[in-house]
Amino acid sequence: MKKTRILVVDDEATARNGLAKLLQQEGYEVDMAADGVEALASVSDKPPGLIISDLKMPNMDGMELLKQLHEQGIEVPTIVATAFGEVSTAVAAMRAGAEDYLTKPIDFDALLLLVERTLAREEIKSEAENLRRQLRARDKEGLETLLGTSPAMQRVYQMVRQVAGARATVLITGESGTGKGE
């Protein structure tokens, strides 16, 4: 099974390469960026399934990266890494949209567990949205292609739903442009 692409963002090359190597050994595809600016470019080029980002970096730090992702409407779960003394900053990052945080030096077992949990949560969110979409389509019983939203058209849709189970043909008539068409 093909694993998720993860973007590792850290200005320290040894930390970045170490995390990448660990994640690759676990079967993940890994992209790397040295700061938030590179990360945004990478996300625009090929969106990852997860971002692991340091908070303190030159050019664009992890907090600004979170802000930019949010402003651009890019929804990628992000785990932030921070030094032990900066836990309050990590909490602020979570308020800004990060999924979770780790303290440095990073415990690899804790990281892998967090990655798996975060990806599992994302999969559940995606599945729930897919089920919601299916329920909406089912509950409309084939009316999702009709366009009208006026109260009058809503009453027509309600009547159509009431007779939908019967073996009857329903003809909706009206002037052109009133929202009765597909």
C-alpha atoms as a PDB file:
ATOM      1  CA  MET A   1       0.000   0.000   0.000  1.00  0.00           C
ATOM      2  CA  LYS A   2       1.335   3.418  -0.953  1.00  0.00           C
ATOM      3  CA  LYS A   3       1.839   5.667   2.064  1.00  0.00           C
ATOM      4  CA  THR A   4       1.162   9.357   2.404  1.00  0.00           C
ATOM      5  CA  ARG A   5       3.499  12.134   1.250  1.00  0.00           C
ATOM      6  CA  ILE A   6       4.884  14.093   4.214  1.00  0.00           C
ATOM      7  CA  LEU A   7       6.569  17.486   3.986  1.00  0.00           C
ATOM      8  CA  VAL A   8       9.344  17.998   6.569  1.00  0.00           C
ATOM      9  CA  VAL A   9      10.112  21.681   7.197  1.00  0.00           C
ATOM     10  CA  ASP A  10      13.178  22.534   9.279  1.00  0.00           C
ATOM     11  CA  ASP A  11      16.040  24.997   8.811  1.00  0.00           C
ATOM     12  CA  GLU A  12      18.521  22.564  10.378  1.00  0.00           C
ATOM     13  CA  ALA A  13      19.657  20.237   7.588  1.00  0.00           C
ATOM     14  CA  THR A  14      20.628  17.389   9.951  1.00  0.00           C
ATOM     15  CA  ALA A  15      17.234  17.432  11.690  1.00  0.00           C
ATOM     16  CA  ARG A  16      15.394  17.679   8.367  1.00  0.00           C
ATOM     17  CA  ASN A  17      17.381  14.823   6.797  1.00  0.00           C
ATOM     18  CA  GLY A  18      17.097  12.656   9.922  1.00  0.00           C
ATOM     19  CA  LEU A  19      13.310  12.991  10.040  1.00  0.00           C
ATOM     20  CA  ALA A  20      13.058  12.369   6.306  1.00  0.00           C
ATOM     21  CA  LYS A  21      15.153   9.204   6.553  1.00  0.00           C
ATOM     22  CA  LEU A  22      13.094   7.874   9.468  1.00  0.00           C
ATOM     23  CA  LEU A  23       9.810   8.540   7.667  1.00  0.00           C
ATOM     24  CA  GLN A  24      11.089   6.994   4.432  1.00  0.00           C
ATOM     25  CA  GLN A  25      12.095   3.849   6.342  1.00  0.00           C
ATOM     26  CA  GLU A  26       8.463   3.647   7.476  1.00  0.00           C
ATOM     27  CA  GLY A  27       7.314   3.764   3.837  1.00  0.00           C
ATOM     28  CA  TYR A  28       6.249   7.410   3.608  1.00  0.00           C
ATOM     29  CA  GLU A  29       7.106   9.594   0.642  1.00  0.00           C
ATOM     30  CA  VAL A  30       9.004  12.612   1.971  1.00  0.00           C
ATOM     31  CA  ASP A  31       9.600  16.103   0.596  1.00  0.00           C
ATOM     32  CA  MET A  32      11.776  18.605   2.454  1.00  0.00           C
ATOM     33  CA  ALA A  33      11.872  22.386   2.847  1.00  0.00           C
ATOM     34  CA  ALA A  34      14.326  24.598   4.756  1.00  0.00           C
ATOM     35  CA  ASP A  35      11.735  27.222   5.764  1.00  0.00           C
ATOM     36  CA  GLY A  36       8.120  28.288   5.390  1.00  0.00           C
ATOM     37  CA  VAL A  37       8.705  29.980   2.035  1.00  0.00           C
ATOM     38  CA  GLU A  38      10.028  26.739   0.506  1.00  0.00           C
ATOM     39  CA  ALA A  39       7.241  24.809   2.214  1.00  0.00           C
ATOM     40  CA  LEU A  40       4.513  26.990   0.667  1.00  0.00           C
ATOM     41  CA  ALA A  41       6.064  26.545  -2.774  1.00  0.00           C
ATOM     42  CA  SER A  42       6.230  22.782  -2.253  1.00  0.00           C
ATOM     43  CA  VAL A  43       2.622  22.600  -1.034  1.00  0.00           C
ATOM     44  CA  SER A  44       1.466  24.571  -4.084  1.00  0.00           C
ATOM     45  CA  ASP A  45       3.425  22.274  -6.402  1.00  0.00           C
ATOM     46  CA  LYS A  46       2.319  18.947  -4.908  1.00  0.00           C
ATOM     47  CA  PRO A  47       0.159  19.011  -1.767  1.00  0.00           C
ATOM     48  CA  PRO A  48       1.324  16.625   0.975  1.00  0.00           C
ATOM     49  CA  GLY A  49      -0.930  14.612   3.228  1.00  0.00           C
ATOM     50  CA  LEU A  50       0.873  15.944   6.302  1.00  0.00           C
ATOM     51  CA  ILE A  51       3.378  18.647   7.250  1.00  0.00           C
ATOM     52  CA  ILE A  52       5.885  18.336  10.091  1.00  0.00           C
ATOM     53  CA  SER A  53       7.335  21.783  10.729  1.00  0.00           C
ATOM     54  CA  ASP A  54       9.789  23.385  13.078  1.00  0.00           C
ATOM     55  CA  LEU A  55       8.478  26.588  14.665  1.00  0.00           C
ATOM     56  CA  LYS A  56      11.689  28.640  14.741  1.00  0.00           C
ATOM     57  CA  MET A  57      13.095  29.197  11.233  1.00  0.00           C
ATOM     58  CA  PRO A  58      14.484  32.123   9.238  1.00  0.00           C
ATOM     59  CA  ASN A  59      12.539  33.779   6.371  1.00  0.00           C
ATOM     60  CA  MET A  60       9.159  32.350   7.421  1.00  0.00           C
ATOM     61  CA  ASP A  61       8.683  30.545  10.730  1.00  0.00           C
ATOM     62  CA  GLY A  62       6.200  27.789  11.499  1.00  0.00           C
ATOM     63  CA  MET A  63       3.554  30.156  12.883  1.00  0.00           C
ATOM     64  CA  GLU A  64       3.589  32.249   9.700  1.00  0.00           C
ATOM     65  CA  LEU A  65       3.466  29.063   7.617  1.00  0.00           C
ATOM     66  CA  LEU A  66       0.308  28.002   9.453  1.00  0.00           C
ATOM     67  CA  LYS A  67      -1.178  31.462   8.896  1.00  0.00           C
ATOM     68  CA  GLN A  68      -0.326  31.431   5.172  1.00  0.00           C
ATOM     69  CA  LEU A  69      -1.778  27.947   4.680  1.00  0.00           C
ATOM     70  CA  HIS A  70      -4.989  29.053   6.380  1.00  0.00           C
ATOM     71  CA  GLU A  71      -5.229  32.290   4.367  1.00  0.00           C
ATOM     72  CA  GLN A  72      -4.724  30.387   1.116  1.00  0.00           C
ATOM     73  CA  GLY A  73      -7.407  27.857   2.054  1.00  0.00           C
ATOM     74  CA  ILE A  74      -4.922  24.984   2.084  1.00  0.00           C
ATOM     75  CA  GLU A  75      -6.035  22.364   4.575  1.00  0.00           C
ATOM     76  CA  VAL A  76      -3.094  20.112   5.367  1.00  0.00           C
ATOM     77  CA  PRO A  77      -2.730  18.649   8.859  1.00  0.00           C
ATOM     78  CA  THR A  78       0.406  20.036  10.481  1.00  0.00           C
ATOM     79  CA  ILE A  79       2.484  18.813  13.403  1.00  0.00           C
ATOM     80  CA  VAL A  80       4.853  21.414  14.851  1.00  0.00           C
ATOM     81  CA  ALA A  81       8.149  20.735  16.587  1.00  0.00           C
ATOM     82  CA  THR A  82       9.481  23.068  19.234  1.00  0.00           C
ATOM     83  CA  ALA A  83      12.192  23.271  21.874  1.00  0.00           C
ATOM     84  CA  PHE A  84      11.127  22.160  25.347  1.00  0.00           C
ATOM     85  CA  GLY A  85      10.983  25.708  26.730  1.00  0.00           C
ATOM     86  CA  GLU A  86       8.605  26.857  23.982  1.00  0.00           C
ATOM     87  CA  VAL A  87       5.615  24.663  24.755  1.00  0.00           C
ATOM     88  CA  SER A  88       3.374  27.743  25.103  1.00  0.00           C
ATOM     89  CA  THR A  89       4.346  28.669  21.542  1.00  0.00           C
ATOM     90  CA  ALA A  90       3.372  25.172  20.397  1.00  0.00           C
ATOM     91  CA  VAL A  91      -0.002  25.590  22.102  1.00  0.00           C
ATOM     92  CA  ALA A  92      -0.424  28.892  20.239  1.00  0.00           C
ATOM     93  CA  ALA A  93       0.413  27.037  17.019  1.00  0.00           C
ATOM     94  CA  MET A  94      -2.325  24.521  17.754  1.00  0.00           C
ATOM     95  CA  ARG A  95      -4.758  27.384  18.238  1.00  0.00           C
ATOM     96  CA  ALA A  96      -3.585  28.626  14.824  1.00  0.00           C
ATOM     97  CA  GLY A  97      -4.464  25.301  13.214  1.00  0.00           C
ATOM     98  CA  ALA A  98      -1.709  22.787  13.960  1.00  0.00           C
ATOM     99  CA  GLU A  99      -2.959  19.286  14.732  1.00  0.00           C
ATOM    100  CA  ASP A 100      -0.405  18.582  17.438  1.00  0.00           C
ATOM    101  CA  TYR A 101       3.143  19.311  18.576  1.00  0.00           C
ATOM    102  CA  LEU A 102       6.323  17.557  19.611  1.00  0.00           C
ATOM    103  CA  THR A 103       9.173  18.840  21.749  1.00  0.00           C
ATOM    104  CA  LYS A 104      12.784  18.687  20.596  1.00  0.00           C
ATOM    105  CA  PRO A 105      14.797  16.575  20.680  1.00  0.00           C
ATOM    106  CA  ILE A 106      12.158  14.525  18.883  1.00  0.00           C
ATOM    107  CA  ASP A 107      11.381  11.053  20.193  1.00  0.00           C
ATOM    108  CA  PHE A 108      11.062   9.025  16.971  1.00  0.00           C
ATOM    109  CA  ASP A 109       8.554   6.551  18.431  1.00  0.00           C
ATOM    110  CA  ALA A 110       6.345   9.407  19.625  1.00  0.00           C
ATOM    111  CA  LEU A 111       6.657  11.066  16.210  1.00  0.00           C
ATOM    112  CA  LEU A 112       5.614   7.921  14.343  1.00  0.00           C
ATOM    113  CA  LEU A 113       2.654   7.406  16.671  1.00  0.00           C
ATOM    114  CA  LEU A 114       1.581  11.019  16.202  1.00  0.00           C
ATOM    115  CA  VAL A 115       1.923  10.764  12.414  1.00  0.00           C
ATOM    116  CA  GLU A 116      -0.206   7.609  12.328  1.00  0.00           C
ATOM    117  CA  ARG A 117      -2.865   9.122  14.619  1.00  0.00           C
ATOM    118  CA  THR A 118      -3.026  12.349  12.620  1.00  0.00           C
ATOM    119  CA  LEU A 119      -3.325  10.533   9.298  1.00  0.00           C
ATOM    120  CA  ALA A 120      -5.991   8.207  10.741  1.00  0.00           C
ATOM    121  CA  ARG A 121      -7.993  11.254  11.939  1.00  0.00           C
ATOM    122  CA  GLU A 122      -7.743  12.782   8.465  1.00  0.00           C
ATOM    123  CA  GLU A 123      -8.936   9.555   6.874  1.00  0.00           C
ATOM    124  CA  ILE A 124     -11.913   9.448   9.255  1.00  0.00           C
ATOM    125  CA  LYS A 125     -12.759  13.099   8.453  1.00  0.00           C
ATOM    126  CA  SER A 126     -12.619  12.354   4.742  1.00  0.00           C
ATOM    127  CA  GLU A 127     -14.759   9.250   5.104  1.00  0.00           C
ATOM    128  CA  ALA A 128     -17.307  11.114   7.235  1.00  0.00           C
ATOM    129  CA  GLU A 129     -17.591  13.874   4.618  1.00  0.00           C
ATOM    130  CA  ASN A 130     -18.026  11.275   1.893  1.00  0.00           C
ATOM    131  CA  LEU A 131     -20.806   9.593   3.889  1.00  0.00           C
ATOM    132  CA  ARG A 132     -22.475  12.978   4.526  1.00  0.00           C
ATOM    133  CA  ARG A 133     -22.385  13.663   0.786  1.00  0.00           C
ATOM    134  CA  GLN A 134     -23.936  10.268   0.054  1.00  0.00           C
ATOM    135  CA  LEU A 135     -26.672  10.845   2.644  1.00  0.00           C
ATOM    136  CA  ARG A 136     -27.494  14.258   1.183  1.00  0.00           C
ATOM    137  CA  ALA A 137     -27.755  12.746  -2.274  1.00  0.00           C
ATOM    138  CA  ARG A 138     -29.912   9.882  -0.985  1.00  0.00           C
ATOM    139  CA  ASP A 139     -32.213  12.145   1.021  1.00  0.00           C
ATOM    140  CA  LYS A 140     -32.822  14.379  -1.965  1.00  0.00           C
ATOM    141  CA  GLU A 141     -33.881  11.242  -3.882  1.00  0.00           C
ATOM    142  CA  GLY A 142     -32.606  12.384  -7.223  1.00  0.00           C
ATOM    143  CA  LEU A 143     -33.429  16.098  -6.877  1.00  0.00           C
ATOM    144  CA  GLU A 144     -29.843  17.276  -6.480  1.00  0.00           C
ATOM    145  CA  THR A 145     -29.674  18.381 -10.133  1.00  0.00           C
ATOM    146  CA  LEU A 146     -32.635  20.754  -9.872  1.00  0.00           C
ATOM    147  CA  LEU A 147     -31.527  24.324  -9.498  1.00  0.00           C
ATOM    148  CA  GLY A 148     -34.343  26.385  -7.965  1.00  0.00           C
ATOM    149  CA  THR A 149     -33.942  27.544  -4.378  1.00  0.00           C
ATOM    150  CA  SER A 150     -36.993  29.771  -3.988  1.00  0.00           C
ATOM    151  CA  PRO A 151     -39.685  28.864  -1.429  1.00  0.00           C
ATOM    152  CA  ALA A 152     -42.048  27.973  -4.285  1.00  0.00           C
ATOM    153  CA  MET A 153     -39.519  25.532  -5.787  1.00  0.00           C
ATOM    154  CA  GLN A 154     -38.818  24.047  -2.365  1.00  0.00           C
ATOM    155  CA  ARG A 155     -42.562  23.270  -2.062  1.00  0.00           C
ATOM    156  CA  VAL A 156     -42.443  21.625  -5.491  1.00  0.00           C
ATOM    157  CA  TYR A 157     -39.455  19.510  -4.427  1.00  0.00           C
ATOM    158  CA  GLN A 158     -41.277  18.485  -1.253  1.00  0.00           C
ATOM    159  CA  MET A 159     -44.291  17.355  -3.290  1.00  0.00           C
ATOM    160  CA  VAL A 160     -42.054  15.438  -5.684  1.00  0.00           C
ATOM    161  CA  ARG A 161     -40.419  13.653  -2.724  1.00  0.00           C
ATOM    162  CA  GLN A 162     -43.844  12.691  -1.397  1.00  0.00           C
ATOM    163  CA  VAL A 163     -44.874  11.044  -4.662  1.00  0.00           C
ATOM    164  CA  ALA A 164     -41.423   9.705  -5.553  1.00  0.00           C
ATOM    165  CA  GLY A 165     -42.206   6.254  -4.145  1.00  0.00           C
ATOM    166  CA  ALA A 166     -45.360   5.947  -6.249  1.00  0.00           C
ATOM    167  CA  ARG A 167     -45.422   4.675  -9.791  1.00  0.00           C
ATOM    168  CA  ALA A 168     -46.336   8.058 -11.195  1.00  0.00           C
ATOM    169  CA  THR A 169     -44.716  10.517 -13.558  1.00  0.00           C
ATOM    170  CA  VAL A 170     -44.284  14.056 -12.305  1.00  0.00           C
ATOM    171  CA  LEU A 171     -44.105  16.907 -14.799  1.00  0.00           C
ATOM    172  CA  ILE A 172     -42.787  20.214 -13.534  1.00  0.00           C
ATOM    173  CA  THR A 173     -43.791  23.129 -15.742  1.00  0.00           C
ATOM    174  CA  GLY A 174     -42.940  26.799 -15.687  1.00  0.00           C
ATOM    175  CA  GLU A 175     -41.330  29.576 -17.596  1.00  0.00           C
ATOM    176  CA  SER A 176     -37.784  29.320 -18.866  1.00  0.00           C
ATOM    177  CA  GLY A 177     -35.217  30.347 -16.253  1.00  0.00           C
ATOM    178  CA  THR A 178     -37.340  29.529 -13.199  1.00  0.00           C
ATOM    179  CA  GLY A 179     -35.020  26.792 -11.928  1.00  0.00           C
ATOM    180  CA  LYS A 180     -36.975  23.715 -12.857  1.00  0.00           C
ATOM    181  CA  GLY A 181     -34.378  22.283 -15.240  1.00  0.00           C
ATOM    182  CA  GLU A 182     -31.273  20.219 -14.862  1.00  0.00           C
END
